């Protein structure tokens, strides 16, 4: 996914949350601009922020969450490997 798609996904998600909580933005254009500006500020402080937030939103849309682990099945069992994009849940979590 590209950064532009990630930003649009985050803006859509934030708009849905605002509307569902009963606080829809009054000035849509300025609200969208402020959300995007805040995303860019966070990205400047912590590179990869936008991608991580979008990844979390996509995982939740699929009924999952980002755990940082990936399940690997072998011929004799299962193991878990650290994976920053992983959504598998190890038994100890």
N, C-alpha and C. Protein backbone atom coordinates (compact mmCIF):
# COMPACT_ATOMS: atom_id res chain seq x y z
N UNK A 1 0.84 -1.18 0.00
CA UNK A 1 0.00 0.00 0.00
C UNK A 1 0.89 1.25 0.00
N UNK A 2 0.43 2.28 -0.67
CA UNK A 2 1.19 3.51 -0.70
C UNK A 2 0.84 4.41 0.46
N UNK A 3 1.70 5.39 0.69
CA UNK A 3 1.47 6.32 1.80
C UNK A 3 0.17 7.09 1.62
N UNK A 4 -0.15 7.46 0.39
CA UNK A 4 -1.39 8.19 0.14
C UNK A 4 -2.62 7.36 0.49
N UNK A 5 -2.59 6.08 0.14
CA UNK A 5 -3.70 5.19 0.47
C UNK A 5 -3.81 5.01 1.98
N UNK A 6 -2.65 4.90 2.65
CA UNK A 6 -2.65 4.75 4.10
C UNK A 6 -3.26 5.98 4.78
N UNK A 7 -2.88 7.16 4.29
CA UNK A 7 -3.40 8.40 4.88
C UNK A 7 -4.91 8.48 4.69
N UNK A 8 -5.39 8.15 3.50
CA UNK A 8 -6.84 8.20 3.24
C UNK A 8 -7.58 7.20 4.12
N UNK A 9 -7.01 6.02 4.33
CA UNK A 9 -7.63 5.03 5.20
C UNK A 9 -7.73 5.55 6.63
N UNK A 10 -6.67 6.19 7.11
CA UNK A 10 -6.66 6.73 8.47
C UNK A 10 -7.68 7.86 8.61
N UNK A 11 -7.73 8.74 7.63
CA UNK A 11 -8.70 9.85 7.67
C UNK A 11 -10.13 9.30 7.68
N UNK A 12 -10.41 8.31 6.82
CA UNK A 12 -11.74 7.69 6.80
C UNK A 12 -12.08 7.06 8.15
N UNK A 13 -11.11 6.35 8.72
CA UNK A 13 -11.32 5.71 10.02
C UNK A 13 -11.60 6.75 11.10
N UNK A 14 -10.80 7.82 11.13
CA UNK A 14 -10.99 8.87 12.14
C UNK A 14 -12.35 9.55 11.96
N UNK A 15 -12.78 9.74 10.72
CA UNK A 15 -14.08 10.34 10.46
C UNK A 15 -15.20 9.43 10.97
N UNK A 16 -15.08 8.14 10.70
CA UNK A 16 -16.09 7.19 11.18
C UNK A 16 -16.16 7.20 12.71
N UNK A 17 -15.00 7.21 13.36
CA UNK A 17 -14.97 7.25 14.82
C UNK A 17 -15.61 8.52 15.35
N UNK A 18 -15.30 9.65 14.71
CA UNK A 18 -15.88 10.93 15.15
C UNK A 18 -17.40 10.94 14.99
N UNK A 19 -17.89 10.44 13.88
CA UNK A 19 -19.33 10.41 13.64
C UNK A 19 -20.00 9.44 14.60
N UNK A 20 -19.42 8.25 14.77
CA UNK A 20 -20.01 7.25 15.67
C UNK A 20 -20.05 7.72 17.11
N UNK A 21 -19.09 8.57 17.50
CA UNK A 21 -19.07 9.06 18.88
C UNK A 21 -19.95 10.29 19.06
N UNK A 22 -20.60 10.73 17.98
CA UNK A 22 -21.51 11.86 18.08
C UNK A 22 -20.83 13.21 17.94
N UNK A 23 -19.62 13.24 17.40
CA UNK A 23 -18.88 14.48 17.23
C UNK A 23 -18.42 14.66 15.78
N UNK A 24 -19.36 14.78 14.85
CA UNK A 24 -18.94 14.95 13.46
C UNK A 24 -18.27 16.31 13.26
N UNK A 25 -17.28 16.37 12.39
CA UNK A 25 -16.62 17.66 12.14
C UNK A 25 -17.58 18.65 11.48
N UNK A 26 -17.45 19.92 11.86
CA UNK A 26 -18.32 20.95 11.28
C UNK A 26 -17.77 21.44 9.95
N UNK A 27 -16.48 21.66 9.91
CA UNK A 27 -15.82 22.11 8.69
C UNK A 27 -14.98 20.95 8.15
N UNK A 28 -15.55 20.15 7.27
CA UNK A 28 -14.92 18.91 6.82
C UNK A 28 -13.54 19.14 6.22
N UNK A 29 -13.40 20.12 5.35
CA UNK A 29 -12.11 20.35 4.68
C UNK A 29 -11.01 20.71 5.67
N UNK A 30 -11.32 21.60 6.61
CA UNK A 30 -10.29 21.99 7.58
C UNK A 30 -10.01 20.84 8.55
N UNK A 31 -11.02 20.03 8.87
CA UNK A 31 -10.81 18.88 9.75
C UNK A 31 -9.89 17.87 9.08
N UNK A 32 -10.14 17.56 7.81
CA UNK A 32 -9.29 16.62 7.07
C UNK A 32 -7.86 17.15 6.99
N UNK A 33 -7.72 18.44 6.73
CA UNK A 33 -6.38 19.03 6.66
C UNK A 33 -5.66 18.93 7.99
N UNK A 34 -6.38 19.12 9.10
CA UNK A 34 -5.73 19.03 10.41
C UNK A 34 -5.33 17.60 10.74
N UNK A 35 -6.16 16.62 10.36
CA UNK A 35 -5.81 15.21 10.59
C UNK A 35 -4.55 14.85 9.79
N UNK A 36 -4.52 15.25 8.53
CA UNK A 36 -3.36 14.96 7.68
C UNK A 36 -2.10 15.65 8.21
N UNK A 37 -2.25 16.90 8.67
CA UNK A 37 -1.09 17.62 9.21
C UNK A 37 -0.55 16.91 10.44
N UNK A 38 -1.44 16.43 11.30
CA UNK A 38 -1.00 15.72 12.50
C UNK A 38 -0.32 14.40 12.13
N UNK A 39 -0.83 13.71 11.14
CA UNK A 39 -0.18 12.48 10.68
C UNK A 39 1.23 12.76 10.18
N UNK A 40 1.39 13.83 9.44
CA UNK A 40 2.72 14.18 8.92
C UNK A 40 3.67 14.59 10.05
N UNK A 41 3.15 15.28 11.07
CA UNK A 41 3.99 15.62 12.23
C UNK A 41 4.45 14.36 12.94
N UNK A 42 3.53 13.42 13.14
CA UNK A 42 3.89 12.17 13.81
C UNK A 42 4.88 11.37 12.97
N UNK A 43 4.69 11.38 11.66
CA UNK A 43 5.61 10.65 10.77
C UNK A 43 7.01 11.25 10.83
N UNK A 44 7.10 12.56 10.96
CA UNK A 44 8.40 13.21 11.05
C UNK A 44 9.11 12.83 12.35
N UNK A 45 8.33 12.69 13.44
CA UNK A 45 8.91 12.30 14.74
C UNK A 45 9.27 10.83 14.80
N UNK A 46 8.37 10.02 14.24
CA UNK A 46 8.56 8.56 14.29
C UNK A 46 8.32 7.99 12.89
N UNK A 47 9.37 7.88 12.09
CA UNK A 47 9.20 7.34 10.74
C UNK A 47 8.51 5.98 10.76
N UNK A 48 7.57 5.81 9.85
CA UNK A 48 6.81 4.57 9.77
C UNK A 48 5.50 4.62 10.52
N UNK A 49 5.22 5.75 11.17
CA UNK A 49 4.01 5.89 11.97
C UNK A 49 2.74 5.67 11.14
N UNK A 50 2.66 6.31 9.98
CA UNK A 50 1.46 6.21 9.15
C UNK A 50 1.23 4.77 8.72
N UNK A 51 2.28 4.08 8.31
CA UNK A 51 2.13 2.69 7.87
C UNK A 51 1.67 1.80 9.03
N UNK A 52 2.22 2.04 10.24
CA UNK A 52 1.82 1.22 11.39
C UNK A 52 0.36 1.44 11.77
N UNK A 53 -0.08 2.69 11.75
CA UNK A 53 -1.47 2.98 12.09
C UNK A 53 -2.41 2.35 11.06
N UNK A 54 -2.08 2.49 9.79
CA UNK A 54 -2.91 1.91 8.73
C UNK A 54 -2.93 0.39 8.84
N UNK A 55 -1.79 -0.20 9.16
CA UNK A 55 -1.72 -1.65 9.32
C UNK A 55 -2.63 -2.11 10.45
N UNK A 56 -2.64 -1.38 11.54
CA UNK A 56 -3.51 -1.72 12.66
C UNK A 56 -4.98 -1.61 12.30
N UNK A 57 -5.34 -0.58 11.54
CA UNK A 57 -6.72 -0.41 11.11
C UNK A 57 -7.14 -1.57 10.21
N UNK A 58 -6.27 -1.93 9.25
CA UNK A 58 -6.60 -3.05 8.35
C UNK A 58 -6.74 -4.36 9.12
N UNK A 59 -5.87 -4.58 10.09
CA UNK A 59 -5.95 -5.80 10.88
C UNK A 59 -7.27 -5.85 11.65
N UNK A 60 -7.66 -4.73 12.28
CA UNK A 60 -8.93 -4.70 13.03
C UNK A 60 -10.13 -4.88 12.12
N UNK A 61 -10.05 -4.38 10.89
CA UNK A 61 -11.15 -4.56 9.94
C UNK A 61 -11.34 -6.04 9.61
N UNK A 62 -10.26 -6.81 9.71
CA UNK A 62 -10.33 -8.24 9.44
C UNK A 62 -10.51 -9.06 10.72
N UNK A 63 -10.86 -8.38 11.81
CA UNK A 63 -11.10 -9.08 13.06
C UNK A 63 -9.83 -9.54 13.75
N UNK A 64 -8.71 -8.92 13.45
CA UNK A 64 -7.42 -9.30 14.03
C UNK A 64 -6.78 -8.07 14.66
N UNK A 65 -5.60 -8.26 15.20
CA UNK A 65 -4.82 -7.13 15.68
C UNK A 65 -3.35 -7.43 15.41
N UNK A 66 -2.55 -6.40 15.31
CA UNK A 66 -1.13 -6.58 15.08
C UNK A 66 -0.49 -7.00 16.40
N UNK A 67 0.09 -8.18 16.40
CA UNK A 67 0.71 -8.72 17.62
C UNK A 67 2.24 -8.68 17.56
N UNK A 68 2.78 -8.59 16.36
CA UNK A 68 4.24 -8.63 16.21
C UNK A 68 4.79 -10.04 16.13
N UNK A 69 3.91 -11.02 15.93
CA UNK A 69 4.33 -12.43 15.84
C UNK A 69 3.68 -13.08 14.63
N UNK A 70 4.42 -14.02 14.02
CA UNK A 70 3.91 -14.79 12.89
C UNK A 70 4.04 -16.27 13.22
N UNK A 71 2.97 -17.01 12.99
CA UNK A 71 2.98 -18.45 13.25
C UNK A 71 3.66 -19.17 12.09
N UNK A 72 4.54 -20.09 12.43
CA UNK A 72 5.21 -20.91 11.41
C UNK A 72 4.93 -22.36 11.73
N UNK A 73 4.35 -23.05 10.76
CA UNK A 73 4.04 -24.47 10.94
C UNK A 73 5.11 -25.30 10.25
N UNK A 74 5.64 -26.23 10.99
CA UNK A 74 6.64 -27.13 10.45
C UNK A 74 6.09 -28.54 10.39
N UNK A 75 6.96 -29.49 10.07
CA UNK A 75 6.50 -30.87 9.96
C UNK A 75 6.21 -31.47 11.33
N UNK A 76 6.81 -30.92 12.39
CA UNK A 76 6.65 -31.51 13.72
C UNK A 76 6.07 -30.55 14.75
N UNK A 77 5.53 -29.46 14.32
CA UNK A 77 4.96 -28.54 15.30
C UNK A 77 4.81 -27.13 14.78
N UNK A 78 4.56 -26.24 15.72
CA UNK A 78 4.33 -24.83 15.43
C UNK A 78 5.32 -24.01 16.24
N UNK A 79 5.84 -22.96 15.62
CA UNK A 79 6.67 -22.01 16.36
C UNK A 79 6.22 -20.60 15.98
N UNK A 80 6.67 -19.63 16.75
CA UNK A 80 6.30 -18.24 16.51
C UNK A 80 7.57 -17.43 16.30
N UNK A 81 7.55 -16.61 15.26
CA UNK A 81 8.70 -15.79 14.89
C UNK A 81 8.31 -14.32 15.02
N UNK A 82 9.19 -13.49 15.59
CA UNK A 82 8.89 -12.05 15.63
C UNK A 82 8.73 -11.50 14.21
N UNK A 83 7.69 -10.75 14.00
CA UNK A 83 7.40 -10.16 12.69
C UNK A 83 6.62 -8.88 12.95
N UNK A 84 7.19 -7.73 12.61
CA UNK A 84 6.55 -6.46 12.94
C UNK A 84 5.17 -6.31 12.32
N UNK A 85 4.85 -7.06 11.27
CA UNK A 85 3.54 -7.00 10.65
C UNK A 85 2.67 -8.20 11.00
N UNK A 86 3.15 -9.05 11.90
CA UNK A 86 2.44 -10.28 12.25
C UNK A 86 1.15 -10.04 13.01
N UNK A 87 0.18 -10.89 12.73
CA UNK A 87 -1.11 -10.79 13.41
C UNK A 87 -1.49 -12.09 14.12
N UNK A 88 -0.55 -13.02 14.19
CA UNK A 88 -0.84 -14.28 14.89
C UNK A 88 -0.64 -14.09 16.38
N UNK A 89 -1.37 -14.87 17.15
CA UNK A 89 -1.33 -14.72 18.61
C UNK A 89 -0.64 -15.93 19.24
N UNK A 90 0.57 -15.73 19.77
CA UNK A 90 1.22 -16.82 20.46
C UNK A 90 0.44 -17.18 21.74
N UNK A 91 0.58 -18.41 22.22
CA UNK A 91 -0.19 -18.83 23.39
C UNK A 91 0.12 -18.02 24.64
N UNK A 92 1.28 -17.40 24.73
CA UNK A 92 1.64 -16.67 25.95
C UNK A 92 1.10 -15.24 25.96
N UNK A 93 0.43 -14.81 24.90
CA UNK A 93 -0.15 -13.45 24.90
C UNK A 93 -1.57 -13.47 25.38
